[in-house]
């Protein structure tokens, strides 16, 4: 006898874990950012450019925005799965959300990889 397919059952743990990991990273990053600028504020654009040109800073920002985009996708997808009942509407709403998040990801990549 073959096991019965469970569909999306048991896939919630990965989403739950992803939500928690991204939330923790974003919280730690924001705390670092606030403390960093509370202790040693950057008040001129030239100093900001030097600080932001650091590879470590850019990687930190890239991870922050990747976490924010993943966190928002998982959260919005869960809301859509729970509350948007017509399948065609759910598909359209998820497609629009994914498109907007992809555009935001490309914009962030352009900022982080560009010459600032």
Protein backbone atom coordinates (compact mmCIF):
# COMPACT_ATOMS: atom_id res chain seq x y z
CA UNK A 1 0.00 0.00 0.00
CA UNK A 2 1.39 3.42 -1.02
CA UNK A 3 1.48 6.24 1.50
CA UNK A 4 -1.18 8.83 0.99
CA UNK A 5 0.16 12.14 -0.36
CA UNK A 6 0.04 14.82 2.29
CA UNK A 7 0.03 17.80 -0.04
CA UNK A 8 1.31 20.83 1.80
CA UNK A 9 1.20 19.14 5.20
CA UNK A 10 4.44 19.34 7.15
CA UNK A 11 5.73 22.27 5.08
CA UNK A 12 4.82 24.80 7.74
CA UNK A 13 7.87 24.11 9.90
CA UNK A 14 10.25 25.44 7.25
CA UNK A 15 8.19 28.59 6.81
CA UNK A 16 7.93 29.08 10.57
CA UNK A 17 11.68 28.67 10.97
CA UNK A 18 12.41 31.03 8.07
CA UNK A 19 10.13 33.67 9.64
CA UNK A 20 11.94 33.37 12.98
CA UNK A 21 15.46 33.41 11.54
CA UNK A 22 14.77 36.43 9.33
CA UNK A 23 13.05 38.26 12.21
CA UNK A 24 16.01 37.66 14.52
CA UNK A 25 18.50 38.87 11.91
CA UNK A 26 16.46 41.99 11.16
CA UNK A 27 16.10 42.75 14.86
CA UNK A 28 19.82 42.35 15.52
CA UNK A 29 20.68 44.44 12.45
CA UNK A 30 18.37 47.29 13.45
CA UNK A 31 19.75 47.21 17.00
CA UNK A 32 23.32 47.36 15.65
CA UNK A 33 22.38 50.17 13.24
CA UNK A 34 20.74 52.27 15.97
CA UNK A 35 23.60 51.72 18.44
CA UNK A 36 26.24 52.38 15.79
CA UNK A 37 24.77 55.75 14.90
CA UNK A 38 23.91 56.65 18.48
CA UNK A 39 27.52 56.10 19.53
CA UNK A 40 29.26 57.53 16.47
CA UNK A 41 26.90 59.39 14.15
CA UNK A 42 27.95 60.09 10.59
CA UNK A 43 27.11 63.69 9.81
CA UNK A 44 28.69 64.26 6.39
CA UNK A 45 27.99 62.53 3.11
CA UNK A 46 31.67 61.77 2.42
CA UNK A 47 31.94 59.84 5.70
CA UNK A 48 28.73 57.97 4.88
CA UNK A 49 30.18 56.97 1.49
CA UNK A 50 33.35 55.66 3.12
CA UNK A 51 31.39 53.70 5.72
CA UNK A 52 28.94 52.28 3.18
CA UNK A 53 31.76 51.31 0.78
CA UNK A 54 32.89 48.64 3.25
CA UNK A 55 32.20 45.12 2.01
CA UNK A 56 31.05 44.02 5.47
CA UNK A 57 28.50 46.85 5.65
CA UNK A 58 27.15 46.07 2.19
CA UNK A 59 26.86 42.37 3.02
CA UNK A 60 25.02 43.27 6.23
CA UNK A 61 22.58 45.46 4.30
CA UNK A 62 22.16 42.80 1.60
CA UNK A 63 21.31 40.19 4.23
CA UNK A 64 18.94 42.61 5.92
CA UNK A 65 17.00 43.34 2.74
CA UNK A 66 17.03 39.68 1.68
CA UNK A 67 15.63 38.81 5.12
CA UNK A 68 12.98 41.52 4.85
CA UNK A 69 11.88 40.36 1.40
CA UNK A 70 11.79 36.67 2.40
CA UNK A 71 10.00 37.49 5.64
CA UNK A 72 7.37 39.52 3.83
CA UNK A 73 6.88 36.86 1.12
CA UNK A 74 6.32 34.05 3.64
CA UNK A 75 4.00 36.20 5.74
CA UNK A 76 1.93 37.49 2.84
CA UNK A 77 1.74 34.03 1.26
CA UNK A 78 0.40 32.62 4.52
CA UNK A 79 -2.23 35.36 4.70
CA UNK A 80 -3.24 34.74 1.08
CA UNK A 81 -3.46 30.98 1.64
CA UNK A 82 -5.66 31.47 4.69
CA UNK A 83 -7.97 34.28 3.58
CA UNK A 84 -8.09 34.48 -0.23
CA UNK A 85 -10.35 31.59 -1.19
CA UNK A 86 -10.90 31.77 -4.96
CA UNK A 87 -7.86 30.00 -6.43
CA UNK A 88 -7.60 32.35 -9.41
CA UNK A 89 -7.61 35.43 -7.15
CA UNK A 90 -5.03 33.89 -4.82
CA UNK A 91 -2.80 33.20 -7.83
CA UNK A 92 -3.14 36.77 -9.11
CA UNK A 93 -2.47 38.32 -5.70
CA UNK A 94 0.57 36.08 -5.15
CA UNK A 95 1.86 36.88 -8.63
CA UNK A 96 1.53 40.63 -8.04
CA UNK A 97 3.20 40.32 -4.63
CA UNK A 98 6.06 38.24 -6.03
CA UNK A 99 6.56 40.73 -8.87
CA UNK A 100 6.69 43.70 -6.50
CA UNK A 101 9.15 41.91 -4.20
CA UNK A 102 11.33 40.95 -7.17
CA UNK A 103 11.39 44.57 -8.37
CA UNK A 104 12.37 45.67 -4.86
CA UNK A 105 15.12 43.02 -4.77
CA UNK A 106 16.53 44.25 -8.08
CA UNK A 107 16.41 47.85 -6.87
CA UNK A 108 18.28 46.94 -3.67
CA UNK A 109 20.85 44.99 -5.70
CA UNK A 110 21.37 48.01 -7.93
CA UNK A 111 21.93 50.22 -4.89
CA UNK A 112 24.28 47.80 -3.14
CA UNK A 113 26.32 46.98 -6.24
CA UNK A 114 26.38 50.50 -7.62
CA UNK A 115 29.04 53.11 -7.04
CA UNK A 116 27.85 55.16 -4.09
